[in-house]
């Protein structure tokens, strides 16, 4: 059985909001992430971290999954600082560090962090089954909704399989590295191929199961528990509207 993506069940915070409300909140954070205001993106990132704390999302595990995102955001910041030479020069570190370079680097790094952290939070608090039911209800064919469920569930499956393969490699004394061409070939042979084969076997078993249940035989599909809008979805819509409005005003008023 493939578990439900990065979703973790809970009863606090965003877990009390339905998939529609969480989808609207995600859209609001994406609007802020694409805005030009550094201050607004910093505030949005703080709100995301607060939502992680008040929801049943396991904050330590959540931040652990995002450590590579934070590292890459730091790389983006440094690259922008070193490459942008416009604006007033603040100091020299072999190259000129300008005010616009710092702002550009902070904007790029925060944009990356806001978009990735809000997306990961959405996945961790939204039941993919309920989300698929909502998408089907608004007119998306249920075949595509089921594809979404499979995509969300295969992400942790491949992560778990990778851990299993690496544990087996350590037991057998096999070390893989990607620092050389020979190391890359060993990694493909001893890591990528076993994980891929395991995934293909799981896909084959799912396809056989779907065929045995005549999946796709009918043009429409009913649901035993149809998704309904709740008060919390309305509150989430208001919050998303505030985020979108703030991002629009930030662009027009040229906030920092």
Protein backbone atom coordinates (compact mmCIF):
# COMPACT_ATOMS: atom_id res chain seq x y z
CA UNK A 1 0.00 0.00 0.00
CA UNK A 2 1.28 3.47 -0.88
CA UNK A 3 0.73 5.97 1.88
CA UNK A 4 -0.82 9.36 1.22
CA UNK A 5 2.04 11.44 -0.08
CA UNK A 6 3.45 13.88 2.45
CA UNK A 7 0.01 14.19 4.07
CA UNK A 8 -0.10 13.85 7.84
CA UNK A 9 -3.54 13.64 9.42
CA UNK A 10 -4.39 16.04 12.22
CA UNK A 11 -7.08 18.17 13.83
CA UNK A 12 -5.33 21.51 14.42
CA UNK A 13 -4.61 24.56 12.31
CA UNK A 14 -4.80 24.03 8.56
CA UNK A 15 -5.97 20.46 9.07
CA UNK A 16 -9.36 21.88 10.10
CA UNK A 17 -9.65 23.58 6.71
CA UNK A 18 -10.85 21.68 3.67
CA UNK A 19 -8.83 21.19 0.49
CA UNK A 20 -10.54 24.18 -1.19
CA UNK A 21 -9.46 26.52 1.59
CA UNK A 22 -5.92 25.15 1.63
CA UNK A 23 -5.73 25.51 -2.15
CA UNK A 24 -6.78 29.17 -1.86
CA UNK A 25 -4.21 29.81 0.86
CA UNK A 26 -1.54 28.25 -1.35
CA UNK A 27 -2.60 30.55 -4.21
CA UNK A 28 -2.28 33.53 -1.87
CA UNK A 29 1.24 32.57 -0.81
CA UNK A 30 2.22 31.98 -4.44
CA UNK A 31 0.99 35.50 -5.29
CA UNK A 32 3.12 36.90 -2.48
CA UNK A 33 6.11 34.82 -3.58
CA UNK A 34 5.87 36.24 -7.10
CA UNK A 35 5.59 39.82 -5.85
CA UNK A 36 8.54 42.22 -5.79
CA UNK A 37 8.33 43.14 -2.09
CA UNK A 38 11.08 41.66 0.07
CA UNK A 39 9.35 42.70 3.30
CA UNK A 40 6.05 41.11 2.27
CA UNK A 41 7.76 37.83 1.36
CA UNK A 42 9.57 37.85 4.69
CA UNK A 43 6.25 38.33 6.50
CA UNK A 44 4.68 35.54 4.41
CA UNK A 45 7.53 33.18 5.31
CA UNK A 46 6.96 33.96 8.98
CA UNK A 47 3.23 33.26 8.61
CA UNK A 48 4.02 29.91 6.97
CA UNK A 49 6.27 28.90 9.86
CA UNK A 50 3.54 29.90 12.35
CA UNK A 51 1.01 27.79 10.42
CA UNK A 52 3.41 24.86 10.61
CA UNK A 53 3.59 25.24 14.39
CA UNK A 54 -0.18 25.50 14.91
CA UNK A 55 -0.94 22.57 12.57
CA UNK A 56 -0.21 18.88 13.11
CA UNK A 57 2.67 18.96 10.63
CA UNK A 58 5.62 17.79 12.79
CA UNK A 59 7.72 21.01 12.63
CA UNK A 60 11.07 19.25 13.06
CA UNK A 61 10.35 16.84 10.21
CA UNK A 62 8.93 19.67 8.09
CA UNK A 63 12.08 21.77 8.48
CA UNK A 64 14.26 18.71 7.94
CA UNK A 65 12.72 18.10 4.52
CA UNK A 66 13.41 21.73 3.59
CA UNK A 67 17.09 21.88 4.52
CA UNK A 68 18.18 21.47 0.90
CA UNK A 69 15.66 24.14 -0.12
CA UNK A 70 17.27 26.52 2.39
CA UNK A 71 20.75 25.67 1.09
CA UNK A 72 19.72 26.32 -2.50
CA UNK A 73 18.05 29.58 -1.47
CA UNK A 74 21.37 30.62 0.09
CA UNK A 75 23.14 29.79 -3.17
CA UNK A 76 20.63 31.94 -5.08
CA UNK A 77 21.21 34.81 -2.66
CA UNK A 78 24.99 34.67 -3.03
CA UNK A 79 24.78 34.39 -6.82
CA UNK A 80 22.55 37.45 -7.06
CA UNK A 81 24.70 39.47 -4.66
CA UNK A 82 27.86 38.72 -6.63
CA UNK A 83 26.34 39.20 -10.09
CA UNK A 84 24.28 42.38 -9.67
CA UNK A 85 26.57 45.43 -9.83
CA UNK A 86 23.91 48.15 -10.08
CA UNK A 87 23.10 50.54 -7.24
CA UNK A 88 25.16 52.09 -4.46
CA UNK A 89 28.27 50.16 -3.44
CA UNK A 90 28.12 49.20 0.24
CA UNK A 91 31.45 47.38 0.68
CA UNK A 92 34.01 45.25 -1.15
CA UNK A 93 34.73 41.54 -0.74
CA UNK A 94 36.94 41.06 -3.76
CA UNK A 95 33.92 42.28 -5.77
CA UNK A 96 31.63 45.21 -5.16
CA UNK A 97 28.57 44.43 -3.01
CA UNK A 98 25.78 46.80 -3.93
CA UNK A 99 22.50 47.71 -2.28
CA UNK A 100 20.51 46.52 -5.29
CA UNK A 101 22.46 43.26 -5.32
CA UNK A 102 21.51 42.55 -1.71
CA UNK A 103 17.86 43.39 -2.35
CA UNK A 104 17.81 41.30 -5.52
CA UNK A 105 19.43 38.35 -3.74
CA UNK A 106 17.05 38.60 -0.79
CA UNK A 107 14.05 38.83 -3.14
CA UNK A 108 15.13 35.79 -5.17
CA UNK A 109 15.94 33.66 -2.10
CA UNK A 110 12.72 34.58 -0.28
CA UNK A 111 10.66 33.94 -3.42
CA UNK A 112 12.12 30.46 -3.65
CA UNK A 113 11.56 29.81 0.07
CA UNK A 114 7.96 31.10 0.13
CA UNK A 115 6.89 29.11 -2.92
CA UNK A 116 8.55 25.86 -1.83
CA UNK A 117 7.61 26.02 1.87
CA UNK A 118 3.98 26.93 1.14
CA UNK A 119 3.73 24.13 -1.42
CA UNK A 120 5.19 21.58 0.98
CA UNK A 121 2.86 22.79 3.74
CA UNK A 122 -0.10 22.40 1.39
CA UNK A 123 0.89 18.81 0.62
CA UNK A 124 1.40 17.98 4.31
CA UNK A 125 -2.02 19.26 5.46
CA UNK A 126 -4.24 18.37 2.48
CA UNK A 127 -5.68 14.90 2.05
CA UNK A 128 -5.08 14.00 -1.64
CA UNK A 129 -8.28 11.93 -1.75
CA UNK A 130 -10.37 14.90 -0.64
CA UNK A 131 -8.49 17.19 -3.01
CA UNK A 132 -9.18 14.85 -5.93
CA UNK A 133 -12.89 14.77 -5.02
CA UNK A 134 -12.99 18.56 -5.11
CA UNK A 135 -11.28 18.68 -8.50
CA UNK A 136 -13.68 16.07 -9.87
CA UNK A 137 -16.63 18.03 -8.50
CA UNK A 138 -15.60 21.21 -10.34
CA UNK A 139 -15.49 19.32 -13.64
CA UNK A 140 -12.01 17.80 -13.96
CA UNK A 141 -12.24 14.19 -15.28
CA UNK A 142 -11.79 11.71 -12.45
CA UNK A 143 -8.98 9.97 -14.33
CA UNK A 144 -6.84 13.09 -13.94
CA UNK A 145 -7.86 13.37 -10.30
CA UNK A 146 -6.63 9.85 -9.71
CA UNK A 147 -3.35 10.72 -11.45
CA UNK A 148 -2.89 13.48 -8.88
CA UNK A 149 -3.46 11.03 -6.03
CA UNK A 150 -0.90 8.61 -7.47
CA UNK A 151 1.65 11.39 -7.98
CA UNK A 152 1.33 12.54 -4.37
CA UNK A 153 1.58 8.99 -3.07
CA UNK A 154 4.54 7.95 -5.18
CA UNK A 155 6.74 10.76 -3.86
CA UNK A 156 7.14 9.21 -0.37
CA UNK A 157 7.23 5.75 -1.93
CA UNK A 158 10.37 6.58 -3.91
CA UNK A 159 11.86 8.33 -0.88
CA UNK A 160 11.31 5.23 1.28
CA UNK A 161 12.65 2.94 -1.43
CA UNK A 162 15.76 5.10 -1.72
CA UNK A 163 16.34 4.79 2.02
CA UNK A 164 15.90 1.02 1.83
CA UNK A 165 18.37 0.71 -1.06
CA UNK A 166 20.95 2.87 0.70
CA UNK A 167 20.57 0.85 3.90
CA UNK A 168 21.14 -2.36 1.92
CA UNK A 169 24.21 -0.79 0.31
CA UNK A 170 25.69 0.11 3.69
CA UNK A 171 25.16 -3.44 4.94
CA UNK A 172 26.96 -4.82 1.88
CA UNK A 173 29.76 -2.27 2.10
CA UNK A 174 28.83 -0.54 -1.17
CA UNK A 175 29.65 3.14 -1.37
CA UNK A 176 28.33 5.40 -4.12
CA UNK A 177 29.45 8.90 -5.00
CA UNK A 178 28.58 11.39 -7.75
CA UNK A 179 31.89 13.25 -7.66
CA UNK A 180 33.29 11.41 -10.68
CA UNK A 181 32.01 9.68 -13.82
CA UNK A 182 32.78 6.26 -12.39
CA UNK A 183 30.94 7.20 -9.20
CA UNK A 184 27.93 8.33 -11.21
CA UNK A 185 27.89 5.01 -13.07
CA UNK A 186 28.01 3.12 -9.75
CA UNK A 187 25.21 5.28 -8.35
CA UNK A 188 23.04 4.59 -11.40
CA UNK A 189 23.76 0.86 -11.23
CA UNK A 190 23.36 0.30 -7.49
CA UNK A 191 20.86 3.04 -6.55
CA UNK A 192 18.83 4.39 -9.47
CA UNK A 193 18.14 1.05 -11.18
CA UNK A 194 16.85 -0.79 -8.05
CA UNK A 195 14.59 2.12 -7.11
CA UNK A 196 13.30 2.37 -10.69
CA UNK A 197 12.62 -1.37 -10.93
CA UNK A 198 10.78 -1.31 -7.60
CA UNK A 199 8.68 1.61 -8.80
CA UNK A 200 7.83 -0.11 -12.09
CA UNK A 201 6.77 -3.25 -10.22
CA UNK A 202 4.48 -1.17 -8.02
CA UNK A 203 3.03 0.62 -11.06
CA UNK A 204 2.36 -2.75 -12.72
CA UNK A 205 0.51 -4.04 -9.64
CA UNK A 206 -1.57 -0.84 -9.45
CA UNK A 207 -2.42 -1.08 -13.16
CA UNK A 208 -3.56 -4.70 -12.73
CA UNK A 209 -5.67 -3.69 -9.73
CA UNK A 210 -7.29 -0.81 -11.65
CA UNK A 211 -7.98 -3.07 -14.62
CA UNK A 212 -9.57 -5.68 -12.36
CA UNK A 213 -11.90 -3.00 -10.96
CA UNK A 214 -12.80 -1.72 -14.46
CA UNK A 215 -11.37 1.71 -13.73
CA UNK A 216 -12.33 4.19 -16.46
CA UNK A 217 -15.27 2.14 -17.73
CA UNK A 218 -17.78 4.93 -17.03
CA UNK A 219 -17.43 8.62 -17.99
CA UNK A 220 -18.35 9.83 -14.49
CA UNK A 221 -17.74 8.59 -10.98
CA UNK A 222 -19.69 9.05 -7.77
CA UNK A 223 -18.22 9.57 -4.32
CA UNK A 224 -19.33 7.98 -1.06
CA UNK A 225 -18.50 11.19 0.86
CA UNK A 226 -18.86 14.29 -1.36
CA UNK A 227 -16.77 17.27 -0.30
CA UNK A 228 -18.71 20.30 0.96
CA UNK A 229 -17.60 23.84 1.67
CA UNK A 230 -17.34 24.79 5.33
CA UNK A 231 -16.96 27.96 7.38
CA UNK A 232 -13.22 27.41 7.67
CA UNK A 233 -12.97 27.44 3.87
CA UNK A 234 -14.58 30.88 3.86
CA UNK A 235 -12.10 32.13 6.47
CA UNK A 236 -9.25 30.71 4.39
CA UNK A 237 -10.64 32.48 1.30
CA UNK A 238 -10.57 35.79 3.20
CA UNK A 239 -6.97 35.16 4.26
CA UNK A 240 -5.98 34.30 0.68
CA UNK A 241 -7.69 37.48 -0.53
CA UNK A 242 -5.67 39.53 1.96
CA UNK A 243 -2.44 37.96 0.70
CA UNK A 244 -3.31 38.60 -2.95
CA UNK A 245 -4.39 42.18 -2.21
CA UNK A 246 -1.19 42.85 -0.29
CA UNK A 247 0.92 41.50 -3.15
CA UNK A 248 -0.92 43.72 -5.66
CA UNK A 249 -0.48 46.83 -3.52
CA UNK A 250 3.15 45.94 -2.95
CA UNK A 251 3.71 45.93 -6.70
CA UNK A 252 1.89 49.20 -7.32
CA UNK A 253 3.29 51.10 -4.35
CA UNK A 254 6.86 49.78 -4.80
CA UNK A 255 7.18 48.51 -1.22
CA UNK A 256 10.59 47.31 -0.12
